[in-house]
Amino acid sequence: IIAMGWYRQAPGKQRELLARITSGGSSNYEDSVKGRFTISRDN
């Protein structure tokens, strides 16, 4: 899998990307969750 991510959708709002991790191990975060949320994988 090239990349896996977590999205969320609150009532009445658009689905938004929160965090993503690539097959190469790099990750990125939406600003509102940066420092609070951590994406990880167990292959």
PDB file of all heavy atoms in Angstrom:
ATOM      1  N   ILE A   1       0.843  -1.187   0.000  1.00  0.00           N
ATOM      2  CA  ILE A   1       0.000   0.000   0.000  1.00  0.00           C
ATOM      3  C   ILE A   1       0.880   1.240   0.000  1.00  0.00           C
ATOM      4  O   ILE A   1       1.778   1.371   0.828  1.00  0.00           O
ATOM      5  CB  ILE A   1      -0.942  -0.008   1.208  1.00  0.00           C
ATOM      6  CG1 ILE A   1      -1.860  -1.224   1.134  1.00  0.00           C
ATOM      7  CG2 ILE A   1      -1.762   1.282   1.269  1.00  0.00           C
ATOM      8  CD1 ILE A   1      -2.766  -1.395   2.325  1.00  0.00           C
ATOM      9  N   ILE A   2       0.619   2.123  -0.938  1.00  0.00           N
ATOM     10  CA  ILE A   2       1.450   3.314  -1.088  1.00  0.00           C
ATOM     11  C   ILE A   2       1.372   4.201   0.139  1.00  0.00           C
ATOM     12  O   ILE A   2       2.389   4.682   0.652  1.00  0.00           O
ATOM     13  CB  ILE A   2       1.048   4.088  -2.351  1.00  0.00           C
ATOM     14  CG1 ILE A   2       1.357   3.260  -3.597  1.00  0.00           C
ATOM     15  CG2 ILE A   2       1.765   5.434  -2.411  1.00  0.00           C
ATOM     16  CD1 ILE A   2       0.853   3.883  -4.877  1.00  0.00           C
ATOM     17  N   ALA A   3       0.143   4.416   0.610  1.00  0.00           N
ATOM     18  CA  ALA A   3      -0.049   5.269   1.764  1.00  0.00           C
ATOM     19  C   ALA A   3      -1.320   4.879   2.488  1.00  0.00           C
ATOM     20  O   ALA A   3      -2.288   4.412   1.873  1.00  0.00           O
ATOM     21  CB  ALA A   3      -0.113   6.741   1.360  1.00  0.00           C
ATOM     22  N   MET A   4      -1.325   5.074   3.789  1.00  0.00           N
ATOM     23  CA  MET A   4      -2.527   4.897   4.586  1.00  0.00           C
ATOM     24  C   MET A   4      -2.722   6.144   5.426  1.00  0.00           C
ATOM     25  O   MET A   4      -1.749   6.779   5.836  1.00  0.00           O
ATOM     26  CB  MET A   4      -2.444   3.658   5.466  1.00  0.00           C
ATOM     27  CG  MET A   4      -2.322   2.365   4.674  1.00  0.00           C
ATOM     28  SD  MET A   4      -2.505   0.873   5.676  1.00  0.00           S
ATOM     29  CE  MET A   4      -4.268   0.952   6.058  1.00  0.00           C
ATOM     30  N   GLY A   5      -3.974   6.466   5.649  1.00  0.00           N
ATOM     31  CA  GLY A   5      -4.256   7.676   6.380  1.00  0.00           C
ATOM     32  C   GLY A   5      -5.506   7.575   7.214  1.00  0.00           C
ATOM     33  O   GLY A   5      -6.284   6.621   7.103  1.00  0.00           O
ATOM     34  N   TRP A   6      -5.662   8.561   8.052  1.00  0.00           N
ATOM     35  CA  TRP A   6      -6.854   8.710   8.874  1.00  0.00           C
ATOM     36  C   TRP A   6      -7.551  10.012   8.517  1.00  0.00           C
ATOM     37  O   TRP A   6      -6.918  11.071   8.447  1.00  0.00           O
ATOM     38  CB  TRP A   6      -6.512   8.695  10.362  1.00  0.00           C
ATOM     39  CG  TRP A   6      -6.112   7.348  10.873  1.00  0.00           C
ATOM     40  CD1 TRP A   6      -4.860   6.845  10.995  1.00  0.00           C
ATOM     41  CD2 TRP A   6      -7.008   6.331  11.335  1.00  0.00           C
ATOM     42  NE1 TRP A   6      -4.898   5.575  11.510  1.00  0.00           N
ATOM     43  CE2 TRP A   6      -6.198   5.233  11.726  1.00  0.00           C
ATOM     44  CE3 TRP A   6      -8.392   6.235  11.459  1.00  0.00           C
ATOM     45  CZ2 TRP A   6      -6.749   4.057  12.234  1.00  0.00           C
ATOM     46  CZ3 TRP A   6      -8.930   5.062  11.963  1.00  0.00           C
ATOM     47  CH2 TRP A   6      -8.118   3.993  12.343  1.00  0.00           C
ATOM     48  N   TYR A   7      -8.832   9.907   8.291  1.00  0.00           N
ATOM     49  CA  TYR A   7      -9.699  11.045   8.042  1.00  0.00           C
ATOM     50  C   TYR A   7     -10.755  11.112   9.133  1.00  0.00           C
ATOM     51  O   TYR A   7     -10.996  10.133   9.845  1.00  0.00           O
ATOM     52  CB  TYR A   7     -10.409  10.911   6.694  1.00  0.00           C
ATOM     53  CG  TYR A   7      -9.541  11.026   5.461  1.00  0.00           C
ATOM     54  CD1 TYR A   7      -8.638  10.036   5.117  1.00  0.00           C
ATOM     55  CD2 TYR A   7      -9.659  12.130   4.612  1.00  0.00           C
ATOM     56  CE1 TYR A   7      -7.863  10.136   3.970  1.00  0.00           C
ATOM     57  CE2 TYR A   7      -8.894  12.236   3.462  1.00  0.00           C
ATOM     58  CZ  TYR A   7      -8.004  11.235   3.152  1.00  0.00           C
ATOM     59  OH  TYR A   7      -7.239  11.339   2.007  1.00  0.00           O
ATOM     60  N   ARG A   8     -11.395  12.256   9.224  1.00  0.00           N
ATOM     61  CA  ARG A   8     -12.554  12.352  10.097  1.00  0.00           C
ATOM     62  C   ARG A   8     -13.598  13.256   9.465  1.00  0.00           C
ATOM     63  O   ARG A   8     -13.286  14.118   8.641  1.00  0.00           O
ATOM     64  CB  ARG A   8     -12.183  12.859  11.489  1.00  0.00           C
ATOM     65  CG  ARG A   8     -11.781  14.323  11.551  1.00  0.00           C
ATOM     66  CD  ARG A   8     -11.364  14.687  12.959  1.00  0.00           C
ATOM     67  NE  ARG A   8     -10.925  16.074  13.055  1.00  0.00           N
ATOM     68  CZ  ARG A   8     -10.280  16.588  14.094  1.00  0.00           C
ATOM     69  NH1 ARG A   8      -9.997  15.815  15.145  1.00  0.00           N
ATOM     70  NH2 ARG A   8      -9.916  17.865  14.094  1.00  0.00           N
ATOM     71  N   GLN A   9     -14.828  13.040   9.868  1.00  0.00           N
ATOM     72  CA  GLN A   9     -15.928  13.848   9.385  1.00  0.00           C
ATOM     73  C   GLN A   9     -16.884  14.121  10.533  1.00  0.00           C
ATOM     74  O   GLN A   9     -17.470  13.201  11.092  1.00  0.00           O
ATOM     75  CB  GLN A   9     -16.661  13.157   8.237  1.00  0.00           C
ATOM     76  CG  GLN A   9     -17.703  14.022   7.574  1.00  0.00           C
ATOM     77  CD  GLN A   9     -18.203  13.427   6.276  1.00  0.00           C
ATOM     78  OE1 GLN A   9     -18.094  12.229   6.046  1.00  0.00           O
ATOM     79  NE2 GLN A   9     -18.744  14.273   5.409  1.00  0.00           N
ATOM     80  N   ALA A  10     -17.006  15.390  10.870  1.00  0.00           N
ATOM     81  CA  ALA A  10     -17.950  15.826  11.881  1.00  0.00           C
ATOM     82  C   ALA A  10     -19.274  16.163  11.216  1.00  0.00           C
ATOM     83  O   ALA A  10     -19.320  16.462  10.019  1.00  0.00           O
ATOM     84  CB  ALA A  10     -17.399  17.035  12.632  1.00  0.00           C
ATOM     85  N   PRO A  11     -20.371  16.128  11.966  1.00  0.00           N
ATOM     86  CA  PRO A  11     -21.677  16.439  11.376  1.00  0.00           C
ATOM     87  C   PRO A  11     -21.688  17.793  10.688  1.00  0.00           C
ATOM     88  O   PRO A  11     -21.241  18.796  11.254  1.00  0.00           O
ATOM     89  CB  PRO A  11     -22.613  16.423  12.581  1.00  0.00           C
ATOM     90  CG  PRO A  11     -21.960  15.493  13.552  1.00  0.00           C
ATOM     91  CD  PRO A  11     -20.485  15.734  13.377  1.00  0.00           C
ATOM     92  N   GLY A  12     -22.172  17.824   9.457  1.00  0.00           N
ATOM     93  CA  GLY A  12     -22.276  19.058   8.705  1.00  0.00           C
ATOM     94  C   GLY A  12     -20.977  19.582   8.136  1.00  0.00           C
ATOM     95  O   GLY A  12     -20.955  20.688   7.589  1.00  0.00           O
ATOM     96  N   LYS A  13     -19.906  18.809   8.250  1.00  0.00           N
ATOM     97  CA  LYS A  13     -18.616  19.272   7.772  1.00  0.00           C
ATOM     98  C   LYS A  13     -18.023  18.303   6.757  1.00  0.00           C
ATOM     99  O   LYS A  13     -18.461  17.160   6.639  1.00  0.00           O
ATOM    100  CB  LYS A  13     -17.647  19.467   8.943  1.00  0.00           C
ATOM    101  CG  LYS A  13     -18.059  20.565   9.899  1.00  0.00           C
ATOM    102  CD  LYS A  13     -16.942  20.921  10.855  1.00  0.00           C
ATOM    103  CE  LYS A  13     -17.315  22.106  11.716  1.00  0.00           C
ATOM    104  NZ  LYS A  13     -16.205  22.520  12.602  1.00  0.00           N
ATOM    105  N   GLN A  14     -17.035  18.792   6.034  1.00  0.00           N
ATOM    106  CA  GLN A  14     -16.338  17.982   5.050  1.00  0.00           C
ATOM    107  C   GLN A  14     -15.444  16.954   5.733  1.00  0.00           C
ATOM    108  O   GLN A  14     -14.954  17.172   6.847  1.00  0.00           O
ATOM    109  CB  GLN A  14     -15.480  18.865   4.142  1.00  0.00           C
ATOM    110  CG  GLN A  14     -16.240  19.908   3.349  1.00  0.00           C
ATOM    111  CD  GLN A  14     -16.684  19.391   2.018  1.00  0.00           C
ATOM    112  OE1 GLN A  14     -17.618  18.592   1.923  1.00  0.00           O
ATOM    113  NE2 GLN A  14     -16.019  19.832   0.966  1.00  0.00           N
ATOM    114  N   ARG A  15     -15.241  15.840   5.047  1.00  0.00           N
ATOM    115  CA  ARG A  15     -14.273  14.878   5.530  1.00  0.00           C
ATOM    116  C   ARG A  15     -12.872  15.453   5.341  1.00  0.00           C
ATOM    117  O   ARG A  15     -12.536  15.947   4.265  1.00  0.00           O
ATOM    118  CB  ARG A  15     -14.418  13.557   4.781  1.00  0.00           C
ATOM    119  CG  ARG A  15     -13.565  12.433   5.326  1.00  0.00           C
ATOM    120  CD  ARG A  15     -13.878  11.103   4.650  1.00  0.00           C
ATOM    121  NE  ARG A  15     -15.254  10.686   4.888  1.00  0.00           N
ATOM    122  CZ  ARG A  15     -15.750   9.503   4.521  1.00  0.00           C
ATOM    123  NH1 ARG A  15     -14.970   8.630   3.894  1.00  0.00           N
ATOM    124  NH2 ARG A  15     -17.011   9.216   4.768  1.00  0.00           N
ATOM    125  N   GLU A  16     -12.070  15.392   6.380  1.00  0.00           N
ATOM    126  CA  GLU A  16     -10.753  15.988   6.331  1.00  0.00           C
ATOM    127  C   GLU A  16      -9.673  14.966   6.652  1.00  0.00           C
ATOM    128  O   GLU A  16      -9.848  14.093   7.502  1.00  0.00           O
ATOM    129  CB  GLU A  16     -10.651  17.182   7.290  1.00  0.00           C
ATOM    130  CG  GLU A  16     -10.842  16.842   8.753  1.00  0.00           C
ATOM    131  CD  GLU A  16     -10.597  18.027   9.682  1.00  0.00           C
ATOM    132  OE1 GLU A  16      -9.968  19.009   9.252  1.00  0.00           O
ATOM    133  OE2 GLU A  16     -11.050  17.963  10.848  1.00  0.00           O
ATOM    134  N   LEU A  17      -8.560  15.124   5.966  1.00  0.00           N
ATOM    135  CA  LEU A  17      -7.398  14.274   6.211  1.00  0.00           C
ATOM    136  C   LEU A  17      -6.677  14.747   7.457  1.00  0.00           C
ATOM    137  O   LEU A  17      -6.340  15.925   7.585  1.00  0.00           O
ATOM    138  CB  LEU A  17      -6.462  14.312   5.004  1.00  0.00           C
ATOM    139  CG  LEU A  17      -5.119  13.593   5.146  1.00  0.00           C
ATOM    140  CD1 LEU A  17      -5.320  12.099   5.318  1.00  0.00           C
ATOM    141  CD2 LEU A  17      -4.235  13.886   3.934  1.00  0.00           C
ATOM    142  N   LEU A  18      -6.413  13.827   8.364  1.00  0.00           N
ATOM    143  CA  LEU A  18      -5.720  14.146   9.598  1.00  0.00           C
ATOM    144  C   LEU A  18      -4.247  13.754   9.570  1.00  0.00           C
ATOM    145  O   LEU A  18      -3.393  14.507  10.035  1.00  0.00           O
ATOM    146  CB  LEU A  18      -6.387  13.442  10.781  1.00  0.00           C
ATOM    147  CG  LEU A  18      -7.855  13.751  11.018  1.00  0.00           C
ATOM    148  CD1 LEU A  18      -8.363  12.927  12.186  1.00  0.00           C
ATOM    149  CD2 LEU A  18      -8.058  15.227  11.268  1.00  0.00           C
ATOM    150  N   ALA A  19      -3.983  12.567   9.092  1.00  0.00           N
ATOM    151  CA  ALA A  19      -2.627  12.041   9.121  1.00  0.00           C
ATOM    152  C   ALA A  19      -2.459  10.997   8.038  1.00  0.00           C
ATOM    153  O   ALA A  19      -3.405  10.291   7.699  1.00  0.00           O
ATOM    154  CB  ALA A  19      -2.308  11.430  10.490  1.00  0.00           C
ATOM    155  N   ARG A  20      -1.254  10.892   7.528  1.00  0.00           N
ATOM    156  CA  ARG A  20      -0.953   9.927   6.484  1.00  0.00           C
ATOM    157  C   ARG A  20       0.445   9.372   6.698  1.00  0.00           C
ATOM    158  O   ARG A  20       1.357  10.105   7.096  1.00  0.00           O
ATOM    159  CB  ARG A  20      -1.066  10.574   5.100  1.00  0.00           C
ATOM    160  CG  ARG A  20      -0.674   9.689   3.938  1.00  0.00           C
ATOM    161  CD  ARG A  20      -1.044  10.356   2.630  1.00  0.00           C
ATOM    162  NE  ARG A  20      -2.482  10.261   2.384  1.00  0.00           N
ATOM    163  CZ  ARG A  20      -3.138  11.006   1.497  1.00  0.00           C
ATOM    164  NH1 ARG A  20      -2.483  11.928   0.803  1.00  0.00           N
ATOM    165  NH2 ARG A  20      -4.431  10.841   1.323  1.00  0.00           N
ATOM    166  N   ILE A  21       0.606   8.094   6.404  1.00  0.00           N
ATOM    167  CA  ILE A  21       1.911   7.463   6.471  1.00  0.00           C
ATOM    168  C   ILE A  21       2.116   6.671   5.192  1.00  0.00           C
ATOM    169  O   ILE A  21       1.226   5.968   4.728  1.00  0.00           O
ATOM    170  CB  ILE A  21       2.054   6.580   7.736  1.00  0.00           C
ATOM    171  CG1 ILE A  21       3.485   6.060   7.881  1.00  0.00           C
ATOM    172  CG2 ILE A  21       1.043   5.434   7.738  1.00  0.00           C
ATOM    173  CD1 ILE A  21       3.769   5.477   9.260  1.00  0.00           C
ATOM    174  N   THR A  22       3.291   6.805   4.599  1.00  0.00           N
ATOM    175  CA  THR A  22       3.595   6.143   3.338  1.00  0.00           C
ATOM    176  C   THR A  22       4.276   4.812   3.581  1.00  0.00           C
ATOM    177  O   THR A  22       4.702   4.490   4.693  1.00  0.00           O
ATOM    178  CB  THR A  22       4.502   7.015   2.459  1.00  0.00           C
ATOM    179  OG1 THR A  22       5.805   7.079   3.047  1.00  0.00           O
ATOM    180  CG2 THR A  22       3.939   8.418   2.314  1.00  0.00           C
ATOM    181  N   SER A  23       4.388   4.034   2.510  1.00  0.00           N
ATOM    182  CA  SER A  23       5.093   2.767   2.600  1.00  0.00           C
ATOM    183  C   SER A  23       6.557   2.964   2.952  1.00  0.00           C
ATOM    184  O   SER A  23       7.193   2.060   3.504  1.00  0.00           O
ATOM    185  CB  SER A  23       4.971   1.995   1.287  1.00  0.00           C
ATOM    186  OG  SER A  23       5.518   2.727   0.208  1.00  0.00           O
ATOM    187  N   GLY A  24       7.093   4.138   2.634  1.00  0.00           N
ATOM    188  CA  GLY A  24       8.463   4.456   2.983  1.00  0.00           C
ATOM    189  C   GLY A  24       8.649   4.915   4.411  1.00  0.00           C
ATOM    190  O   GLY A  24       9.793   5.126   4.843  1.00  0.00           O
ATOM    191  N   GLY A  25       7.554   5.088   5.129  1.00  0.00           N
ATOM    192  CA  GLY A  25       7.634   5.432   6.535  1.00  0.00           C
ATOM    193  C   GLY A  25       7.499   6.900   6.862  1.00  0.00           C
ATOM    194  O   GLY A  25       7.495   7.267   8.044  1.00  0.00           O
ATOM    195  N   SER A  26       7.379   7.749   5.859  1.00  0.00           N
ATOM    196  CA  SER A  26       7.211   9.161   6.139  1.00  0.00           C
ATOM    197  C   SER A  26       5.761   9.451   6.512  1.00  0.00           C
ATOM    198  O   SER A  26       4.836   8.797   6.034  1.00  0.00           O
ATOM    199  CB  SER A  26       7.636  10.009   4.945  1.00  0.00           C
ATOM    200  OG  SER A  26       6.826   9.739   3.819  1.00  0.00           O
ATOM    201  N   SER A  27       5.573  10.432   7.355  1.00  0.00           N
ATOM    202  CA  SER A  27       4.238  10.771   7.811  1.00  0.00           C
ATOM    203  C   SER A  27       4.037  12.274   7.787  1.00  0.00           C
ATOM    204  O   SER A  27       5.001  13.051   7.821  1.00  0.00           O
ATOM    205  CB  SER A  27       3.986  10.234   9.220  1.00  0.00           C
ATOM    206  OG  SER A  27       4.922  10.764  10.142  1.00  0.00           O
ATOM    207  N   ASN A  28       2.782  12.676   7.728  1.00  0.00           N
ATOM    208  CA  ASN A  28       2.449  14.087   7.798  1.00  0.00           C
ATOM    209  C   ASN A  28       1.097  14.242   8.475  1.00  0.00           C
ATOM    210  O   ASN A  28       0.297  13.309   8.516  1.00  0.00           O
ATOM    211  CB  ASN A  28       2.467  14.755   6.416  1.00  0.00           C
ATOM    212  CG  ASN A  28       1.650  14.007   5.392  1.00  0.00           C
ATOM    213  OD1 ASN A  28       0.422  14.084   5.389  1.00  0.00           O
ATOM    214  ND2 ASN A  28       2.326  13.287   4.507  1.00  0.00           N
ATOM    215  N   TYR A  29       0.859  15.451   8.993  1.00  0.00           N
ATOM    216  CA  TYR A  29      -0.310  15.703   9.824  1.00  0.00           C
ATOM    217  C   TYR A  29      -0.969  17.021   9.466  1.00  0.00           C
ATOM    218  O   TYR A  29      -0.313  17.976   9.040  1.00  0.00           O
ATOM    219  CB  TYR A  29       0.082  15.747  11.302  1.00  0.00           C
ATOM    220  CG  TYR A  29       0.684  14.470  11.822  1.00  0.00           C
ATOM    221  CD1 TYR A  29       2.051  14.236  11.726  1.00  0.00           C
ATOM    222  CD2 TYR A  29      -0.115  13.493  12.395  1.00  0.00           C
ATOM    223  CE1 TYR A  29       2.605  13.058  12.199  1.00  0.00           C
ATOM    224  CE2 TYR A  29       0.424  12.318  12.872  1.00  0.00           C
ATOM    225  CZ  TYR A  29       1.785  12.107  12.770  1.00  0.00           C
ATOM    226  OH  TYR A  29       2.333  10.931  13.242  1.00  0.00           O
ATOM    227  N   GLU A  30      -2.268  17.054   9.665  1.00  0.00           N
ATOM    228  CA  GLU A  30      -2.999  18.297   9.578  1.00  0.00           C
ATOM    229  C   GLU A  30      -2.645  19.140  10.806  1.00  0.00           C
ATOM    230  O   GLU A  30      -2.419  18.610  11.894  1.00  0.00           O
ATOM    231  CB  GLU A  30      -4.497  18.010   9.504  1.00  0.00           C
ATOM    232  CG  GLU A  30      -5.342  19.166   9.011  1.00  0.00           C
ATOM    233  CD  GLU A  30      -5.772  20.079  10.133  1.00  0.00           C
ATOM    234  OE1 GLU A  30      -5.904  19.604  11.272  1.00  0.00           O
ATOM    235  OE2 GLU A  30      -5.968  21.277   9.856  1.00  0.00           O
ATOM    236  N   ASP A  31      -2.626  20.444  10.633  1.00  0.00           N
ATOM    237  CA  ASP A  31      -2.137  21.324  11.685  1.00  0.00           C
ATOM    238  C   ASP A  31      -2.909  21.185  13.000  1.00  0.00           C
ATOM    239  O   ASP A  31      -2.316  21.283  14.080  1.00  0.00           O
ATOM    240  CB  ASP A  31      -2.181  22.780  11.228  1.00  0.00           C
ATOM    241  CG  ASP A  31      -1.099  23.110  10.222  1.00  0.00           C
ATOM    242  OD1 ASP A  31      -0.120  22.348  10.122  1.00  0.00           O
ATOM    243  OD2 ASP A  31      -1.229  24.144   9.537  1.00  0.00           O
ATOM    244  N   SER A  32      -4.199  20.954  12.921  1.00  0.00           N
ATOM    245  CA  SER A  32      -5.007  20.922  14.125  1.00  0.00           C
ATOM    246  C   SER A  32      -4.705  19.733  15.032  1.00  0.00           C
ATOM    247  O   SER A  32      -5.056  19.755  16.215  1.00  0.00           O
ATOM    248  CB  SER A  32      -6.497  20.931  13.769  1.00  0.00           C
ATOM    249  OG  SER A  32      -6.882  19.730  13.135  1.00  0.00           O
ATOM    250  N   VAL A  33      -4.073  18.702  14.487  1.00  0.00           N
ATOM    251  CA  VAL A  33      -3.767  17.521  15.287  1.00  0.00           C
ATOM    252  C   VAL A  33      -2.274  17.311  15.473  1.00  0.00           C
ATOM    253  O   VAL A  33      -1.869  16.401  16.213  1.00  0.00           O
ATOM    254  CB  VAL A  33      -4.400  16.251  14.690  1.00  0.00           C
ATOM    255  CG1 VAL A  33      -5.899  16.438  14.512  1.00  0.00           C
ATOM    256  CG2 VAL A  33      -3.745  15.871  13.372  1.00  0.00           C
ATOM    257  N   LYS A  34      -1.472  18.116  14.836  1.00  0.00           N
ATOM    258  CA  LYS A  34      -0.022  17.976  14.941  1.00  0.00           C
ATOM    259  C   LYS A  34       0.410  18.161  16.394  1.00  0.00           C
ATOM    260  O   LYS A  34       0.028  19.119  17.057  1.00  0.00           O
ATOM    261  CB  LYS A  34       0.669  18.992  14.041  1.00  0.00           C
ATOM    262  CG  LYS A  34       2.171  18.781  13.878  1.00  0.00           C
ATOM    263  CD  LYS A  34       2.767  19.777  12.886  1.00  0.00           C
ATOM    264  CE  LYS A  34       2.186  19.597  11.499  1.00  0.00           C
ATOM    265  NZ  LYS A  34       2.797  20.531  10.514  1.00  0.00           N
ATOM    266  N   GLY A  35       1.205  17.231  16.873  1.00  0.00           N
ATOM    267  CA  GLY A  35       1.654  17.263  18.251  1.00  0.00           C
ATOM    268  C   GLY A  35       0.742  16.541  19.213  1.00  0.00           C
ATOM    269  O   GLY A  35       1.136  16.269  20.356  1.00  0.00           O
ATOM    270  N   ARG A  36      -0.483  16.233  18.792  1.00  0.00           N
ATOM    271  CA  ARG A  36      -1.425  15.510  19.628  1.00  0.00           C
ATOM    272  C   ARG A  36      -1.694  14.098  19.122  1.00  0.00           C
ATOM    273  O   ARG A  36      -1.873  13.179  19.915  1.00  0.00           O
ATOM    274  CB  ARG A  36      -2.763  16.254  19.715  1.00  0.00           C
ATOM    275  CG  ARG A  36      -2.667  17.637  20.333  1.00  0.00           C
ATOM    276  CD  ARG A  36      -4.060  18.203  20.608  1.00  0.00           C
ATOM    277  NE  ARG A  36      -4.837  18.370  19.384  1.00  0.00           N
ATOM    278  CZ  ARG A  36      -6.033  17.834  19.184  1.00  0.00           C
ATOM    279  NH1 ARG A  36      -6.604  17.090  20.125  1.00  0.00           N
ATOM    280  NH2 ARG A  36      -6.687  18.048  18.046  1.00  0.00           N
ATOM    281  N   PHE A  37      -1.743  13.949  17.807  1.00  0.00           N
ATOM    282  CA  PHE A  37      -2.027  12.654  17.191  1.00  0.00           C
ATOM    283  C   PHE A  37      -0.756  12.095  16.572  1.00  0.00           C
ATOM    284  O   PHE A  37       0.081  12.843  16.050  1.00  0.00           O
ATOM    285  CB  PHE A  37      -3.083  12.783  16.094  1.00  0.00           C
ATOM    286  CG  PHE A  37      -4.471  13.127  16.571  1.00  0.00           C
ATOM    287  CD1 PHE A  37      -4.718  13.509  17.879  1.00  0.00           C
ATOM    288  CD2 PHE A  37      -5.533  13.061  15.682  1.00  0.00           C
ATOM    289  CE1 PHE A  37      -6.002  13.828  18.306  1.00  0.00           C
ATOM    290  CE2 PHE A  37      -6.816  13.375  16.097  1.00  0.00           C
ATOM    291  CZ  PHE A  37      -7.056  13.756  17.407  1.00  0.00           C
ATOM    292  N   THR A  38      -0.643  10.780  16.598  1.00  0.00           N
ATOM    293  CA  THR A  38       0.491  10.100  15.992  1.00  0.00           C
ATOM    294  C   THR A  38       0.002   8.914  15.175  1.00  0.00           C
ATOM    295  O   THR A  38      -0.720   8.063  15.696  1.00  0.00           O
ATOM    296  CB  THR A  38       1.488   9.608  17.052  1.00  0.00           C
ATOM    297  OG1 THR A  38       1.945  10.703  17.849  1.00  0.00           O
ATOM    298  CG2 THR A  38       2.692   8.949  16.378  1.00  0.00           C
ATOM    299  N   ILE A  39       0.394   8.877  13.909  1.00  0.00           N
ATOM    300  CA  ILE A  39       0.078   7.742  13.068  1.00  0.00           C
ATOM    301  C   ILE A  39       1.279   6.799  13.055  1.00  0.00           C
ATOM    302  O   ILE A  39       2.424   7.243  13.000  1.00  0.00           O
ATOM    303  CB  ILE A  39      -0.318   8.178  11.643  1.00  0.00           C
ATOM    304  CG1 ILE A  39      -0.852   6.993  10.834  1.00  0.00           C
ATOM    305  CG2 ILE A  39       0.830   8.867  10.924  1.00  0.00           C
ATOM    306  CD1 ILE A  39      -1.510   7.394   9.517  1.00  0.00           C
ATOM    307  N   SER A  40       1.007   5.519  13.112  1.00  0.00           N
ATOM    308  CA  SER A  40       2.071   4.532  13.100  1.00  0.00           C
ATOM    309  C   SER A  40       1.573   3.276  12.413  1.00  0.00           C
ATOM    310  O   SER A  40       0.385   3.132  12.136  1.00  0.00           O
ATOM    311  CB  SER A  40       2.555   4.220  14.522  1.00  0.00           C
ATOM    312  OG  SER A  40       1.514   3.668  15.303  1.00  0.00           O
ATOM    313  N   ARG A  41       2.481   2.377  12.150  1.00  0.00           N
ATOM    314  CA  ARG A  41       2.113   1.126  11.497  1.00  0.00           C
ATOM    315  C   ARG A  41       2.861  -0.034  12.107  1.00  0.00           C
ATOM    316  O   ARG A  41       3.979   0.114  12.620  1.00  0.00           O
ATOM    317  CB  ARG A  41       2.382   1.201   9.992  1.00  0.00           C
ATOM    318  CG  ARG A  41       3.859   1.308   9.633  1.00  0.00           C
ATOM    319  CD  ARG A  41       4.058   1.546   8.155  1.00  0.00           C
ATOM    320  NE  ARG A  41       5.477   1.528   7.805  1.00  0.00           N
ATOM    321  CZ  ARG A  41       5.975   1.914   6.658  1.00  0.00           C
ATOM    322  NH1 ARG A  41       5.154   2.370   5.709  1.00  0.00           N
ATOM    323  NH2 ARG A  41       7.275   1.859   6.432  1.00  0.00           N
ATOM    324  N   ASP A  42       2.236  -1.191  12.051  1.00  0.00           N
ATOM    325  CA  ASP A  42       2.841  -2.444  12.459  1.00  0.00           C
ATOM    326  C   ASP A  42       2.730  -3.368  11.259  1.00  0.00           C
ATOM    327  O   ASP A  42       1.673  -3.943  11.003  1.00  0.00           O
ATOM    328  CB  ASP A  42       2.139  -3.027  13.679  1.00  0.00           C
ATOM    329  CG  ASP A  42       2.828  -4.262  14.228  1.00  0.00           C
ATOM    330  OD1 ASP A  42       3.520  -4.963  13.460  1.00  0.00           O
ATOM    331  OD2 ASP A  42       2.676  -4.537  15.429  1.00  0.00           O
ATOM    332  N   ASN A  43       3.807  -3.491  10.517  1.00  0.00           N
ATOM    333  CA  ASN A  43       3.772  -4.262   9.280  1.00  0.00           C
ATOM    334  C   ASN A  43       3.470  -5.742   9.521  1.00  0.00           C
ATOM    335  O   ASN A  43       2.812  -6.386   8.705  1.00  0.00           O
ATOM    336  CB  ASN A  43       5.095  -4.115   8.530  1.00  0.00           C
ATOM    337  CG  ASN A  43       5.321  -2.714   8.011  1.00  0.00           C
ATOM    338  OD1 ASN A  43       4.377  -1.974   7.733  1.00  0.00           O
ATOM    339  ND2 ASN A  43       6.589  -2.338   7.868  1.00  0.00           N
TER     340      ASN A  43
END
